[in-house]
Structures are given as structure tokens and as C-alpha cells.
Amino acid sequence: MGSKDEKRAALNQQLRQLRSVTNSTAVNKASIIMDASRYIEDLKERVDKLNEDVSSSQPPEETALPVVTVETLEKGFLISVFAEKNCPGLLVTILEAFEDLGMEVLDARVSCSDTFHLQAVSEKEGDTDNVDDQVVKQAVVEAVRNWSARSGQD
């Protein structure tokens, strides 16, 4: 008979804890359990709402275009392009943009395993006095946008 009393006392203790956690004012078991069920449903709705808020406040990764920076050097430019994911075909597109500007790549470091990172030193060829860091940056950014549109990354 002691075992039944212990089980009943343990169950009553658990019901009191459940009532406390769910802020229930109910006194009988069925009402406490119903209040707990409503409390759980409310929590689920709040979690769903928070997940929606988080996902709508952050742009999807696919739309994040690579970051482009250009620094002027004595006879050319240091161009850096970084993306948080690998971008197949982007290197060729950027090199074509350099060529279109009459730029020669003197040195380049490229990493495209998990991320895409290009660091290139280029020099103006021939009559390219009208090419400055802003022109180079705009050409590279445009090349990235064209690549993104062609590859469905936007």
C-alpha cells in the first residue's frame, strides 16, 4: 500500500510542477493538463513567429553578391573579391573584365574551395589613363552581377 501512496504523491507533485510552469490556476488533473496543452500550443506559435521574423530579416545567402574592393597602386591596382561560397565561373568573368579594361594581371591568388577569394595585382596596358580605381571596381562589380544573372545566383 505504501507504493501506491508514493506513486500518487509523485504524480501530485508533478501536476503541481506542471501547474506552476504553465501558470495554470486549475485545481483538477484534467484542467491542469488542458492548460498545459494550450500553453505548449502557444509556445509553438511563438517559436514559429520568431522563426518567421528571423528568416524575413536576413537576406537569403544565395542573393549575397561577392564583396569587391580596389586599391590604387603605383602602376596598377590591387583587386580583392570575396564571396562566402564557391562561385564556379566567376574567375573567368572577372578576368574578362580586366581584359576589356586593357588590364594585365601581374599576380593573382585565388581560392575557390568552400568560399571564393580572388586577390589580383593588375597593371594598366597602353592607353588606359582614364582607368582609375572606381572604373576598375565598377567593371568588376558589373562582371559579378552579369555572372550572377547568368548563373541564377540572384
N, C-alpha and C. Protein backbone atom coordinates (compact mmCIF):
# COMPACT_ATOMS: atom_id res chain seq x y z
N MET A 1 0.81 -1.19 0.00
CA MET A 1 0.00 0.00 0.00
C MET A 1 0.86 1.26 0.00
N GLY A 2 2.02 1.22 0.55
CA GLY A 2 2.93 2.36 0.56
C GLY A 2 3.36 2.77 -0.82
N SER A 3 3.51 1.78 -1.72
CA SER A 3 3.95 2.06 -3.09
C SER A 3 2.92 2.90 -3.85
N LYS A 4 1.62 2.59 -3.66
CA LYS A 4 0.56 3.36 -4.31
C LYS A 4 0.55 4.79 -3.82
N ASP A 5 0.71 4.95 -2.52
CA ASP A 5 0.73 6.29 -1.93
C ASP A 5 1.91 7.10 -2.46
N GLU A 6 3.06 6.43 -2.60
CA GLU A 6 4.25 7.11 -3.14
C GLU A 6 4.04 7.54 -4.58
N LYS A 7 3.43 6.65 -5.37
CA LYS A 7 3.16 6.98 -6.78
C LYS A 7 2.18 8.15 -6.87
N ARG A 8 1.14 8.10 -6.04
CA ARG A 8 0.14 9.17 -6.03
C ARG A 8 0.78 10.50 -5.61
N ALA A 9 1.63 10.46 -4.59
CA ALA A 9 2.31 11.67 -4.13
C ALA A 9 3.23 12.21 -5.23
N ALA A 10 3.93 11.32 -5.92
CA ALA A 10 4.81 11.74 -7.01
C ALA A 10 4.01 12.36 -8.15
N LEU A 11 2.88 11.74 -8.51
CA LEU A 11 2.02 12.27 -9.57
C LEU A 11 1.47 13.64 -9.19
N ASN A 12 1.02 13.77 -7.94
CA ASN A 12 0.51 15.07 -7.47
C ASN A 12 1.60 16.14 -7.50
N GLN A 13 2.82 15.74 -7.13
CA GLN A 13 3.94 16.67 -7.17
C GLN A 13 4.21 17.11 -8.61
N GLN A 14 4.19 16.18 -9.55
CA GLN A 14 4.41 16.51 -10.96
C GLN A 14 3.29 17.41 -11.50
N LEU A 15 2.06 17.16 -11.09
CA LEU A 15 0.94 18.02 -11.51
C LEU A 15 1.11 19.43 -10.96
N ARG A 16 1.56 19.55 -9.71
CA ARG A 16 1.81 20.88 -9.12
C ARG A 16 2.91 21.61 -9.90
N GLN A 17 3.97 20.86 -10.29
CA GLN A 17 5.05 21.47 -11.08
C GLN A 17 4.52 21.91 -12.45
N LEU A 18 3.73 21.06 -13.08
CA LEU A 18 3.16 21.39 -14.38
C LEU A 18 2.26 22.62 -14.27
N ARG A 19 1.46 22.66 -13.23
CA ARG A 19 0.57 23.81 -12.99
C ARG A 19 1.39 25.08 -12.80
N SER A 20 2.48 24.98 -12.06
CA SER A 20 3.34 26.14 -11.80
C SER A 20 4.03 26.63 -13.08
N VAL A 21 4.59 25.71 -13.85
CA VAL A 21 5.33 26.06 -15.07
C VAL A 21 4.42 26.70 -16.11
N THR A 22 3.18 26.22 -16.18
CA THR A 22 2.26 26.71 -17.21
C THR A 22 1.37 27.85 -16.71
N ASN A 23 1.62 28.32 -15.50
CA ASN A 23 0.84 29.40 -14.89
C ASN A 23 -0.66 29.08 -14.85
N SER A 24 -0.98 27.83 -14.62
CA SER A 24 -2.36 27.37 -14.57
C SER A 24 -2.94 27.67 -13.19
N THR A 25 -4.22 28.03 -13.18
CA THR A 25 -4.93 28.23 -11.90
C THR A 25 -5.88 27.08 -11.64
N ALA A 26 -5.88 26.07 -12.51
CA ALA A 26 -6.78 24.92 -12.38
C ALA A 26 -6.41 24.09 -11.15
N VAL A 27 -7.42 23.36 -10.65
CA VAL A 27 -7.17 22.53 -9.48
C VAL A 27 -7.29 21.04 -9.77
N ASN A 28 -8.09 20.64 -10.79
CA ASN A 28 -8.20 19.21 -11.05
C ASN A 28 -7.24 18.81 -12.18
N LYS A 29 -6.92 17.53 -12.22
CA LYS A 29 -5.92 17.00 -13.15
C LYS A 29 -6.23 17.32 -14.61
N ALA A 30 -7.46 17.09 -15.04
CA ALA A 30 -7.82 17.29 -16.44
C ALA A 30 -7.63 18.76 -16.84
N SER A 31 -8.03 19.68 -15.98
CA SER A 31 -7.90 21.11 -16.29
C SER A 31 -6.43 21.53 -16.35
N ILE A 32 -5.62 21.00 -15.44
CA ILE A 32 -4.18 21.31 -15.45
C ILE A 32 -3.56 20.83 -16.76
N ILE A 33 -3.92 19.63 -17.18
CA ILE A 33 -3.38 19.07 -18.42
C ILE A 33 -3.87 19.87 -19.63
N MET A 34 -5.12 20.30 -19.63
CA MET A 34 -5.64 21.13 -20.73
C MET A 34 -4.91 22.47 -20.79
N ASP A 35 -4.70 23.09 -19.62
CA ASP A 35 -3.96 24.35 -19.58
C ASP A 35 -2.53 24.16 -20.11
N ALA A 36 -1.92 23.05 -19.73
CA ALA A 36 -0.56 22.76 -20.20
C ALA A 36 -0.54 22.58 -21.72
N SER A 37 -1.55 21.90 -22.24
CA SER A 37 -1.64 21.69 -23.69
C SER A 37 -1.77 23.03 -24.42
N ARG A 38 -2.62 23.93 -23.91
CA ARG A 38 -2.77 25.27 -24.52
C ARG A 38 -1.46 26.05 -24.42
N TYR A 39 -0.79 25.92 -23.29
CA TYR A 39 0.49 26.60 -23.09
C TYR A 39 1.53 26.13 -24.12
N ILE A 40 1.59 24.84 -24.35
CA ILE A 40 2.52 24.27 -25.34
C ILE A 40 2.19 24.77 -26.74
N GLU A 41 0.90 24.81 -27.10
CA GLU A 41 0.49 25.32 -28.41
C GLU A 41 0.89 26.78 -28.57
N ASP A 42 0.71 27.57 -27.50
CA ASP A 42 1.10 28.98 -27.53
C ASP A 42 2.61 29.12 -27.75
N LEU A 43 3.37 28.29 -27.06
CA LEU A 43 4.83 28.31 -27.25
C LEU A 43 5.22 27.97 -28.68
N LYS A 44 4.57 26.97 -29.26
CA LYS A 44 4.84 26.59 -30.66
C LYS A 44 4.58 27.76 -31.59
N GLU A 45 3.44 28.45 -31.39
CA GLU A 45 3.11 29.60 -32.24
C GLU A 45 4.16 30.70 -32.09
N ARG A 46 4.61 30.93 -30.87
CA ARG A 46 5.63 31.97 -30.65
C ARG A 46 6.95 31.60 -31.33
N VAL A 47 7.33 30.33 -31.26
CA VAL A 47 8.55 29.87 -31.93
C VAL A 47 8.42 30.05 -33.44
N ASP A 48 7.27 29.67 -34.00
CA ASP A 48 7.04 29.84 -35.44
C ASP A 48 7.14 31.31 -35.84
N LYS A 49 6.54 32.19 -35.04
CA LYS A 49 6.58 33.63 -35.32
C LYS A 49 8.02 34.14 -35.27
N LEU A 50 8.77 33.73 -34.28
CA LEU A 50 10.17 34.15 -34.16
C LEU A 50 10.99 33.65 -35.35
N ASN A 51 10.75 32.40 -35.76
CA ASN A 51 11.47 31.87 -36.93
C ASN A 51 11.14 32.66 -38.18
N GLU A 52 9.87 33.05 -38.34
CA GLU A 52 9.48 33.88 -39.49
C GLU A 52 10.18 35.22 -39.44
N ASP A 53 10.22 35.84 -38.26
CA ASP A 53 10.88 37.15 -38.11
C ASP A 53 12.36 37.06 -38.45
N VAL A 54 13.01 36.01 -37.98
CA VAL A 54 14.44 35.84 -38.25
C VAL A 54 14.67 35.63 -39.74
N SER A 55 13.90 34.78 -40.37
CA SER A 55 14.12 34.49 -41.79
C SER A 55 13.78 35.68 -42.67
N SER A 56 12.81 36.51 -42.27
CA SER A 56 12.47 37.66 -43.10
C SER A 56 13.43 38.83 -42.89
N SER A 57 14.15 38.84 -41.76
CA SER A 57 15.08 39.94 -41.51
C SER A 57 16.46 39.69 -42.11
N GLN A 58 16.73 38.48 -42.55
CA GLN A 58 18.02 38.15 -43.15
C GLN A 58 17.83 37.78 -44.60
N PRO A 59 18.61 38.44 -45.49
CA PRO A 59 18.50 38.05 -46.90
C PRO A 59 19.05 36.64 -47.08
N PRO A 60 18.47 35.87 -47.98
CA PRO A 60 18.99 34.53 -48.22
C PRO A 60 20.43 34.59 -48.70
N GLU A 61 21.22 33.58 -48.36
CA GLU A 61 22.62 33.57 -48.74
C GLU A 61 22.82 33.63 -50.25
N GLU A 62 21.88 33.04 -51.00
CA GLU A 62 22.04 32.99 -52.44
C GLU A 62 22.10 34.39 -53.07
N THR A 63 21.46 35.38 -52.42
CA THR A 63 21.40 36.71 -53.00
C THR A 63 22.61 37.57 -52.63
N ALA A 64 23.44 37.09 -51.73
CA ALA A 64 24.60 37.87 -51.31
C ALA A 64 25.67 37.83 -52.40
N LEU A 65 25.87 38.99 -53.05
CA LEU A 65 26.89 39.07 -54.09
C LEU A 65 28.26 39.20 -53.45
N PRO A 66 29.30 38.81 -54.17
CA PRO A 66 30.65 38.94 -53.63
C PRO A 66 31.01 40.40 -53.33
N VAL A 67 31.88 40.59 -52.34
CA VAL A 67 32.36 41.91 -51.95
C VAL A 67 33.58 42.24 -52.80
N VAL A 68 33.59 43.43 -53.39
CA VAL A 68 34.68 43.85 -54.28
C VAL A 68 35.35 45.08 -53.69
N THR A 69 36.69 45.03 -53.57
CA THR A 69 37.46 46.21 -53.16
C THR A 69 38.59 46.40 -54.15
N VAL A 70 38.92 47.68 -54.40
CA VAL A 70 40.00 48.02 -55.33
C VAL A 70 40.85 49.11 -54.70
N GLU A 71 42.16 48.87 -54.65
CA GLU A 71 43.11 49.87 -54.15
C GLU A 71 44.05 50.26 -55.28
N THR A 72 44.39 51.55 -55.33
CA THR A 72 45.31 52.03 -56.35
C THR A 72 46.75 51.80 -55.88
N LEU A 73 47.56 51.21 -56.77
CA LEU A 73 48.97 51.01 -56.52
C LEU A 73 49.74 51.99 -57.41
N GLU A 74 51.06 51.96 -57.35
CA GLU A 74 51.87 52.90 -58.15
C GLU A 74 51.57 52.80 -59.64
N LYS A 75 51.53 51.58 -60.18
CA LYS A 75 51.30 51.42 -61.62
C LYS A 75 50.10 50.54 -61.92
N GLY A 76 49.22 50.37 -60.97
CA GLY A 76 48.09 49.49 -61.22
C GLY A 76 47.15 49.45 -60.04
N PHE A 77 46.57 48.27 -59.81
CA PHE A 77 45.54 48.13 -58.78
C PHE A 77 45.67 46.80 -58.05
N LEU A 78 45.23 46.81 -56.80
CA LEU A 78 45.07 45.58 -56.03
C LEU A 78 43.57 45.36 -55.94
N ILE A 79 43.10 44.28 -56.53
CA ILE A 79 41.68 43.98 -56.59
C ILE A 79 41.40 42.76 -55.72
N SER A 80 40.42 42.87 -54.84
CA SER A 80 40.01 41.74 -53.99
C SER A 80 38.53 41.48 -54.21
N VAL A 81 38.20 40.21 -54.36
CA VAL A 81 36.81 39.79 -54.50
C VAL A 81 36.61 38.63 -53.53
N PHE A 82 35.58 38.74 -52.68
CA PHE A 82 35.33 37.69 -51.70
C PHE A 82 33.84 37.34 -51.69
N ALA A 83 33.54 36.05 -51.71
CA ALA A 83 32.17 35.55 -51.57
C ALA A 83 32.17 34.44 -50.53
N GLU A 84 31.09 34.31 -49.79
CA GLU A 84 31.00 33.31 -48.73
C GLU A 84 30.79 31.90 -49.25
N LYS A 85 30.64 31.75 -50.54
CA LYS A 85 30.50 30.40 -51.10
C LYS A 85 31.27 30.34 -52.42
N ASN A 86 31.53 29.13 -52.87
CA ASN A 86 32.24 28.92 -54.12
C ASN A 86 31.38 29.46 -55.27
N CYS A 87 32.02 30.06 -56.25
CA CYS A 87 31.30 30.67 -57.38
C CYS A 87 31.90 30.18 -58.70
N PRO A 88 31.51 29.00 -59.16
CA PRO A 88 32.06 28.45 -60.40
C PRO A 88 31.85 29.41 -61.58
N GLY A 89 32.94 29.67 -62.30
CA GLY A 89 32.87 30.52 -63.48
C GLY A 89 33.12 31.99 -63.22
N LEU A 90 33.11 32.41 -61.96
CA LEU A 90 33.28 33.83 -61.65
C LEU A 90 34.68 34.33 -61.99
N LEU A 91 35.69 33.51 -61.75
CA LEU A 91 37.06 33.92 -62.04
C LEU A 91 37.22 34.30 -63.51
N VAL A 92 36.72 33.48 -64.40
CA VAL A 92 36.82 33.75 -65.84
C VAL A 92 36.12 35.07 -66.17
N THR A 93 34.95 35.28 -65.59
CA THR A 93 34.19 36.51 -65.85
C THR A 93 34.97 37.74 -65.40
N ILE A 94 35.61 37.67 -64.23
CA ILE A 94 36.38 38.80 -63.73
C ILE A 94 37.62 39.05 -64.60
N LEU A 95 38.29 37.98 -64.99
CA LEU A 95 39.48 38.14 -65.85
C LEU A 95 39.10 38.75 -67.19
N GLU A 96 37.94 38.39 -67.73
CA GLU A 96 37.46 39.01 -68.97
C GLU A 96 37.21 40.50 -68.77
N ALA A 97 36.72 40.89 -67.61
CA ALA A 97 36.50 42.32 -67.32
C ALA A 97 37.83 43.06 -67.29
N PHE A 98 38.87 42.44 -66.70
CA PHE A 98 40.20 43.07 -66.71
C PHE A 98 40.68 43.27 -68.14
N GLU A 99 40.51 42.24 -68.95
CA GLU A 99 40.93 42.29 -70.35
C GLU A 99 40.20 43.42 -71.09
N ASP A 100 38.89 43.53 -70.86
CA ASP A 100 38.10 44.58 -71.51
C ASP A 100 38.58 45.98 -71.13
N LEU A 101 39.14 46.11 -69.92
CA LEU A 101 39.66 47.40 -69.48
C LEU A 101 41.09 47.65 -69.95
N GLY A 102 41.70 46.65 -70.61
CA GLY A 102 43.09 46.78 -71.03
C GLY A 102 44.05 46.60 -69.87
N MET A 103 43.68 45.73 -68.93
CA MET A 103 44.49 45.49 -67.75
C MET A 103 45.19 44.14 -67.88
N GLU A 104 46.42 44.09 -67.43
CA GLU A 104 47.17 42.83 -67.41
C GLU A 104 47.32 42.38 -65.97
N VAL A 105 47.02 41.12 -65.69
CA VAL A 105 47.16 40.58 -64.34
C VAL A 105 48.61 40.18 -64.14
N LEU A 106 49.27 40.82 -63.18
CA LEU A 106 50.67 40.53 -62.89
C LEU A 106 50.81 39.41 -61.87
N ASP A 107 49.90 39.37 -60.91
CA ASP A 107 49.96 38.38 -59.85
C ASP A 107 48.53 38.15 -59.35
N ALA A 108 48.20 36.92 -59.06
CA ALA A 108 46.86 36.63 -58.56
C ALA A 108 46.91 35.45 -57.61
N ARG A 109 46.08 35.52 -56.59
CA ARG A 109 45.86 34.41 -55.67
C ARG A 109 44.38 34.14 -55.66
N VAL A 110 44.02 32.89 -55.88
CA VAL A 110 42.61 32.52 -55.95
C VAL A 110 42.36 31.31 -55.07
N SER A 111 41.28 31.38 -54.30
CA SER A 111 40.83 30.24 -53.52
C SER A 111 39.35 30.07 -53.82
N CYS A 112 38.98 28.86 -54.21
CA CYS A 112 37.55 28.64 -54.52
C CYS A 112 37.12 27.24 -54.09
N SER A 113 37.50 26.87 -52.87
CA SER A 113 37.04 25.57 -52.36
C SER A 113 35.65 25.73 -51.74
N ASP A 114 35.57 26.24 -50.52
CA ASP A 114 34.27 26.49 -49.90
C ASP A 114 33.80 27.92 -50.15
N THR A 115 34.76 28.83 -50.19
CA THR A 115 34.46 30.24 -50.46
C THR A 115 35.16 30.62 -51.75
N PHE A 116 34.90 31.84 -52.22
CA PHE A 116 35.61 32.34 -53.39
C PHE A 116 36.38 33.56 -52.93
N HIS A 117 37.70 33.56 -53.16
CA HIS A 117 38.52 34.70 -52.80
C HIS A 117 39.57 34.91 -53.88
N LEU A 118 39.53 36.09 -54.47
CA LEU A 118 40.49 36.47 -55.51
C LEU A 118 41.21 37.70 -55.03
N GLN A 119 42.53 37.67 -55.11
CA GLN A 119 43.34 38.85 -54.85
C GLN A 119 44.28 38.97 -56.04
N ALA A 120 44.15 40.06 -56.78
CA ALA A 120 44.94 40.20 -58.01
C ALA A 120 45.61 41.57 -58.04
N VAL A 121 46.83 41.58 -58.57
CA VAL A 121 47.53 42.82 -58.84
C VAL A 121 47.56 42.95 -60.35
N SER A 122 47.03 44.07 -60.84
CA SER A 122 46.99 44.26 -62.27
C SER A 122 47.59 45.60 -62.63
N GLU A 123 47.99 45.69 -63.89
CA GLU A 123 48.67 46.89 -64.37
C GLU A 123 47.96 47.36 -65.63
N LYS A 124 47.93 48.67 -65.80
CA LYS A 124 47.32 49.24 -67.00
C LYS A 124 48.23 48.97 -68.19
N GLU A 125 47.61 48.62 -69.30
CA GLU A 125 48.37 48.39 -70.53
C GLU A 125 48.07 49.53 -71.50
N GLY A 126 49.09 50.03 -72.16
CA GLY A 126 48.89 51.02 -73.24
C GLY A 126 48.16 52.26 -72.78
N ASP A 127 47.20 52.72 -73.59
CA ASP A 127 46.49 53.98 -73.35
C ASP A 127 45.28 53.74 -72.46
N THR A 128 45.52 53.64 -71.17
CA THR A 128 44.41 53.43 -70.24
C THR A 128 44.48 54.46 -69.11
N ASP A 129 44.84 55.67 -69.45
CA ASP A 129 44.95 56.73 -68.43
C ASP A 129 43.60 57.05 -67.79
N ASN A 130 42.51 56.80 -68.51
CA ASN A 130 41.20 57.11 -67.96
C ASN A 130 40.68 56.03 -67.01
N VAL A 131 41.48 55.01 -66.76
CA VAL A 131 41.08 53.94 -65.85
C VAL A 131 41.62 54.24 -64.45
N ASP A 132 40.68 54.41 -63.51
CA ASP A 132 41.09 54.59 -62.12
C ASP A 132 40.44 53.50 -61.27
N ASP A 133 40.66 53.58 -59.95
CA ASP A 133 40.15 52.51 -59.07
C ASP A 133 38.63 52.37 -59.14
N GLN A 134 37.92 53.48 -59.30
CA GLN A 134 36.46 53.41 -59.39
C GLN A 134 35.99 52.73 -60.68
N VAL A 135 36.68 53.01 -61.77
CA VAL A 135 36.34 52.37 -63.05
C VAL A 135 36.58 50.86 -62.95
N VAL A 136 37.70 50.48 -62.34
CA VAL A 136 38.02 49.05 -62.18
C VAL A 136 36.98 48.39 -61.28
N LYS A 137 36.66 49.03 -60.15
CA LYS A 137 35.67 48.45 -59.24
C LYS A 137 34.32 48.30 -59.94
N GLN A 138 33.89 49.34 -60.66
CA GLN A 138 32.60 49.26 -61.34
C GLN A 138 32.59 48.14 -62.37
N ALA A 139 33.70 47.97 -63.10
CA ALA A 139 33.77 46.90 -64.10
C ALA A 139 33.70 45.52 -63.45
N VAL A 140 34.38 45.34 -62.31
CA VAL A 140 34.37 44.05 -61.62
C VAL A 140 32.99 43.80 -61.01
N VAL A 141 32.39 44.81 -60.40
CA VAL A 141 31.05 44.66 -59.83
C VAL A 141 30.05 44.30 -60.92
N GLU A 142 30.16 44.96 -62.08
CA GLU A 142 29.26 44.66 -63.20
C GLU A 142 29.48 43.22 -63.70
N ALA A 143 30.74 42.80 -63.75
CA ALA A 143 31.04 41.42 -64.17
C ALA A 143 30.42 40.42 -63.18
N VAL A 144 30.50 40.73 -61.88
CA VAL A 144 29.92 39.86 -60.85
C VAL A 144 28.40 39.80 -61.03
N ARG A 145 27.78 40.95 -61.27
CA ARG A 145 26.31 40.97 -61.46
C ARG A 145 25.92 40.17 -62.70
N ASN A 146 26.66 40.34 -63.79
CA ASN A 146 26.37 39.58 -65.01
C ASN A 146 26.53 38.08 -64.77
N TRP A 147 27.60 37.70 -64.08
CA TRP A 147 27.82 36.30 -63.74
C TRP A 147 26.65 35.78 -62.90
N SER A 148 26.24 36.59 -61.91
CA SER A 148 25.15 36.19 -61.02
C SER A 148 23.85 35.97 -61.80
N ALA A 149 23.57 36.87 -62.73
CA ALA A 149 22.34 36.75 -63.53
C ALA A 149 22.39 35.51 -64.44
N ARG A 150 23.55 35.27 -65.03
CA ARG A 150 23.70 34.10 -65.92
C ARG A 150 23.64 32.79 -65.17
N SER A 151 24.19 32.77 -63.96
CA SER A 151 24.28 31.50 -63.24
C SER A 151 23.10 31.29 -62.30
N GLY A 152 22.15 32.22 -62.29
CA GLY A 152 20.97 32.06 -61.44
C GLY A 152 21.24 32.25 -59.97
N GLN A 153 22.24 33.06 -59.62
CA GLN A 153 22.61 33.26 -58.23
C GLN A 153 21.88 34.43 -57.60
N ASP A 154 21.00 35.12 -58.32
CA ASP A 154 20.30 36.24 -57.71
C ASP A 154 18.90 35.91 -57.34
